[in-house]
Amino acid sequence: MKFPFLMAAGLAALVFSGPAMADSVHNLMERSRAAEARGETQPALMLMQAAIVADPARASTYTALGDLYLRRHAIPEAQKYYDEALNIDPANKAAEASLARLQQVEKTASAQAGLLDKN
């Protein structure tokens, strides 16, 4: 499996099948966003990972998980999910925009680190 930590989240995906899957993925994503809004980072990450397992071909879910990681300043993890979203859908504008934000964050962090080194 490309993302081994998703195996645990895969158990949640076993309950989804057929036409209800799209609604279930949407529900998982909404629950993830709600958990994040309550400050519950780990449940938010787990719910979004479960959404990926439930529908691994949905680029928007990878972008959403990347955004979660970016808001936590977990740059390598965010990069991985944006790249995967673009592998699934190379024309995905949301993933492109998120990747551009990530690159801006990296650039800003690098500039700040350079200022700290000079002091």
C-alpha atoms as a PDB file:
ATOM      1  CA  MET A   1       0.000   0.000   0.000  1.00  0.00           C
ATOM      2  CA  LYS A   2       1.368   3.395  -0.991  1.00  0.00           C
ATOM      3  CA  PHE A   3       0.308   5.061   2.284  1.00  0.00           C
ATOM      4  CA  PRO A   4       0.680   2.347   4.941  1.00  0.00           C
ATOM      5  CA  PHE A   5      -0.766   4.412   7.795  1.00  0.00           C
ATOM      6  CA  LEU A   6      -4.045   4.400   5.914  1.00  0.00           C
ATOM      7  CA  MET A   7      -4.520   0.693   6.600  1.00  0.00           C
ATOM      8  CA  ALA A   8      -6.228   1.430   9.914  1.00  0.00           C
ATOM      9  CA  ALA A   9      -8.462   3.934   8.204  1.00  0.00           C
ATOM     10  CA  GLY A  10      -9.250   1.231   5.651  1.00  0.00           C
ATOM     11  CA  LEU A  11     -11.349  -0.567   8.210  1.00  0.00           C
ATOM     12  CA  ALA A  12     -13.761   2.355   8.200  1.00  0.00           C
ATOM     13  CA  ALA A  13     -13.975   2.167   4.422  1.00  0.00           C
ATOM     14  CA  LEU A  14     -15.151  -1.443   4.511  1.00  0.00           C
ATOM     15  CA  VAL A  15     -18.636  -0.319   5.455  1.00  0.00           C
ATOM     16  CA  PHE A  16     -18.987   1.767   2.284  1.00  0.00           C
ATOM     17  CA  SER A  17     -20.029   0.288  -1.007  1.00  0.00           C
ATOM     18  CA  GLY A  18     -22.126   1.024  -4.042  1.00  0.00           C
ATOM     19  CA  PRO A  19     -23.904   4.328  -4.651  1.00  0.00           C
ATOM     20  CA  ALA A  20     -23.723   5.311  -0.993  1.00  0.00           C
ATOM     21  CA  MET A  21     -19.931   5.547  -1.224  1.00  0.00           C
ATOM     22  CA  ALA A  22     -19.859   9.095  -2.651  1.00  0.00           C
ATOM     23  CA  ASP A  23     -22.176  10.350   0.079  1.00  0.00           C
ATOM     24  CA  SER A  24     -20.096   8.517   2.668  1.00  0.00           C
ATOM     25  CA  VAL A  25     -16.854  10.071   1.423  1.00  0.00           C
ATOM     26  CA  HIS A  26     -18.472  13.489   1.515  1.00  0.00           C
ATOM     27  CA  ASN A  27     -19.710  12.750   5.038  1.00  0.00           C
ATOM     28  CA  LEU A  28     -16.224  11.695   6.168  1.00  0.00           C
ATOM     29  CA  MET A  29     -14.738  14.862   4.730  1.00  0.00           C
ATOM     30  CA  GLU A  30     -17.352  17.028   6.447  1.00  0.00           C
ATOM     31  CA  ARG A  31     -16.798  15.246   9.751  1.00  0.00           C
ATOM     32  CA  SER A  32     -13.054  15.796   9.327  1.00  0.00           C
ATOM     33  CA  ARG A  33     -13.564  19.517   8.775  1.00  0.00           C
ATOM     34  CA  ALA A  34     -15.853  19.706  11.814  1.00  0.00           C
ATOM     35  CA  ALA A  35     -13.280  17.895  13.970  1.00  0.00           C
ATOM     36  CA  GLU A  36     -10.572  20.292  12.833  1.00  0.00           C
ATOM     37  CA  ALA A  37     -12.817  23.266  13.619  1.00  0.00           C
ATOM     38  CA  ARG A  38     -13.167  21.894  17.162  1.00  0.00           C
ATOM     39  CA  GLY A  39      -9.369  21.659  17.420  1.00  0.00           C
ATOM     40  CA  GLU A  40      -9.370  17.856  17.198  1.00  0.00           C
ATOM     41  CA  THR A  41      -6.437  17.366  14.860  1.00  0.00           C
ATOM     42  CA  GLN A  42      -5.942  13.600  15.125  1.00  0.00           C
ATOM     43  CA  PRO A  43      -9.596  12.712  14.520  1.00  0.00           C
ATOM     44  CA  ALA A  44      -9.658  15.186  11.608  1.00  0.00           C
ATOM     45  CA  LEU A  45      -6.639  13.499  10.015  1.00  0.00           C
ATOM     46  CA  MET A  46      -8.037  10.013  10.582  1.00  0.00           C
ATOM     47  CA  LEU A  47     -11.418  10.896   9.072  1.00  0.00           C
ATOM     48  CA  MET A  48      -9.820  12.419   5.986  1.00  0.00           C
ATOM     49  CA  GLN A  49      -7.567   9.367   5.644  1.00  0.00           C
ATOM     50  CA  ALA A  50     -10.660   7.150   5.850  1.00  0.00           C
ATOM     51  CA  ALA A  51     -12.226   9.216   3.054  1.00  0.00           C
ATOM     52  CA  ILE A  52      -9.167   8.512   0.889  1.00  0.00           C
ATOM     53  CA  VAL A  53      -9.391   4.803   1.582  1.00  0.00           C
ATOM     54  CA  ALA A  54     -13.115   4.839   0.787  1.00  0.00           C
ATOM     55  CA  ASP A  55     -12.450   6.451  -2.616  1.00  0.00           C
ATOM     56  CA  PRO A  56      -8.744   6.493  -3.515  1.00  0.00           C
ATOM     57  CA  ALA A  57      -9.448   7.933  -6.973  1.00  0.00           C
ATOM     58  CA  ARG A  58     -10.857  11.237  -5.659  1.00  0.00           C
ATOM     59  CA  ALA A  59      -8.168  13.910  -6.021  1.00  0.00           C
ATOM     60  CA  SER A  60     -10.074  16.447  -3.945  1.00  0.00           C
ATOM     61  CA  THR A  61      -9.730  14.280  -0.843  1.00  0.00           C
ATOM     62  CA  TYR A  62      -5.947  14.140  -1.198  1.00  0.00           C
ATOM     63  CA  THR A  63      -5.920  17.920  -1.594  1.00  0.00           C
ATOM     64  CA  ALA A  64      -8.066  18.331   1.510  1.00  0.00           C
ATOM     65  CA  LEU A  65      -5.730  16.102   3.538  1.00  0.00           C
ATOM     66  CA  GLY A  66      -2.749  18.044   2.208  1.00  0.00           C
ATOM     67  CA  ASP A  67      -4.454  21.259   3.316  1.00  0.00           C
ATOM     68  CA  LEU A  68      -4.954  19.792   6.795  1.00  0.00           C
ATOM     69  CA  TYR A  69      -1.259  18.988   7.000  1.00  0.00           C
ATOM     70  CA  LEU A  70      -0.265  22.398   5.622  1.00  0.00           C
ATOM     71  CA  ARG A  71      -2.315  24.141   8.306  1.00  0.00           C
ATOM     72  CA  ARG A  72      -0.309  22.077  10.809  1.00  0.00           C
ATOM     73  CA  HIS A  73       2.957  23.174   9.115  1.00  0.00           C
ATOM     74  CA  ALA A  74       3.671  19.550   8.186  1.00  0.00           C
ATOM     75  CA  ILE A  75       5.196  20.477   4.831  1.00  0.00           C
ATOM     76  CA  PRO A  76       6.484  17.059   3.670  1.00  0.00           C
ATOM     77  CA  GLU A  77       3.137  15.403   4.366  1.00  0.00           C
ATOM     78  CA  ALA A  78       1.210  18.183   2.631  1.00  0.00           C
ATOM     79  CA  GLN A  79       3.519  17.965  -0.391  1.00  0.00           C
ATOM     80  CA  LYS A  80       2.960  14.200  -0.630  1.00  0.00           C
ATOM     81  CA  TYR A  81      -0.825  14.562  -0.769  1.00  0.00           C
ATOM     82  CA  TYR A  82      -0.794  17.462  -3.226  1.00  0.00           C
ATOM     83  CA  ASP A  83       1.504  15.453  -5.486  1.00  0.00           C
ATOM     84  CA  GLU A  84      -0.830  12.457  -5.271  1.00  0.00           C
ATOM     85  CA  ALA A  85      -3.854  14.638  -6.088  1.00  0.00           C
ATOM     86  CA  LEU A  86      -2.026  15.896  -9.178  1.00  0.00           C
ATOM     87  CA  ASN A  87      -1.044  12.341 -10.130  1.00  0.00           C
ATOM     88  CA  ILE A  88      -4.726  11.425 -10.086  1.00  0.00           C
ATOM     89  CA  ASP A  89      -5.868  14.601 -11.848  1.00  0.00           C
ATOM     90  CA  PRO A  90      -3.038  16.637 -13.410  1.00  0.00           C
ATOM     91  CA  ALA A  91      -5.430  19.508 -14.186  1.00  0.00           C
ATOM     92  CA  ASN A  92      -6.732  19.798 -10.613  1.00  0.00           C
ATOM     93  CA  LYS A  93      -6.796  23.557  -9.963  1.00  0.00           C
ATOM     94  CA  ALA A  94      -7.359  23.197  -6.203  1.00  0.00           C
ATOM     95  CA  ALA A  95      -4.279  20.988  -5.834  1.00  0.00           C
ATOM     96  CA  GLU A  96      -2.245  23.390  -7.973  1.00  0.00           C
ATOM     97  CA  ALA A  97      -3.333  26.330  -5.818  1.00  0.00           C
ATOM     98  CA  SER A  98      -2.580  24.444  -2.603  1.00  0.00           C
ATOM     99  CA  LEU A  99       0.839  23.454  -3.915  1.00  0.00           C
ATOM    100  CA  ALA A 100       1.537  27.107  -4.748  1.00  0.00           C
ATOM    101  CA  ARG A 101       0.565  28.067  -1.153  1.00  0.00           C
ATOM    102  CA  LEU A 102       2.873  25.355   0.161  1.00  0.00           C
ATOM    103  CA  GLN A 103       5.733  26.678  -1.945  1.00  0.00           C
ATOM    104  CA  GLN A 104       5.060  30.197  -0.636  1.00  0.00           C
ATOM    105  CA  VAL A 105       5.118  28.894   2.957  1.00  0.00           C
ATOM    106  CA  GLU A 106       8.428  27.140   2.254  1.00  0.00           C
ATOM    107  CA  LYS A 107       9.859  30.294   0.678  1.00  0.00           C
ATOM    108  CA  THR A 108       8.775  32.439   3.640  1.00  0.00           C
ATOM    109  CA  ALA A 109      10.137  29.931   6.151  1.00  0.00           C
ATOM    110  CA  SER A 110      13.434  29.772   4.295  1.00  0.00           C
ATOM    111  CA  ALA A 111      13.720  33.568   4.250  1.00  0.00           C
ATOM    112  CA  GLN A 112      12.937  33.747   7.966  1.00  0.00           C
ATOM    113  CA  ALA A 113      15.513  31.062   8.712  1.00  0.00           C
ATOM    114  CA  GLY A 114      18.064  33.075   6.758  1.00  0.00           C
ATOM    115  CA  LEU A 115      17.312  36.154   8.852  1.00  0.00           C
ATOM    116  CA  LEU A 116      17.699  34.160  12.047  1.00  0.00           C
ATOM    117  CA  ASP A 117      21.056  32.815  10.882  1.00  0.00           C
ATOM    118  CA  LYS A 118      22.320  36.366  10.353  1.00  0.00           C
ATOM    119  CA  ASN A 119      21.453  37.398  13.917  1.00  0.00           C
END
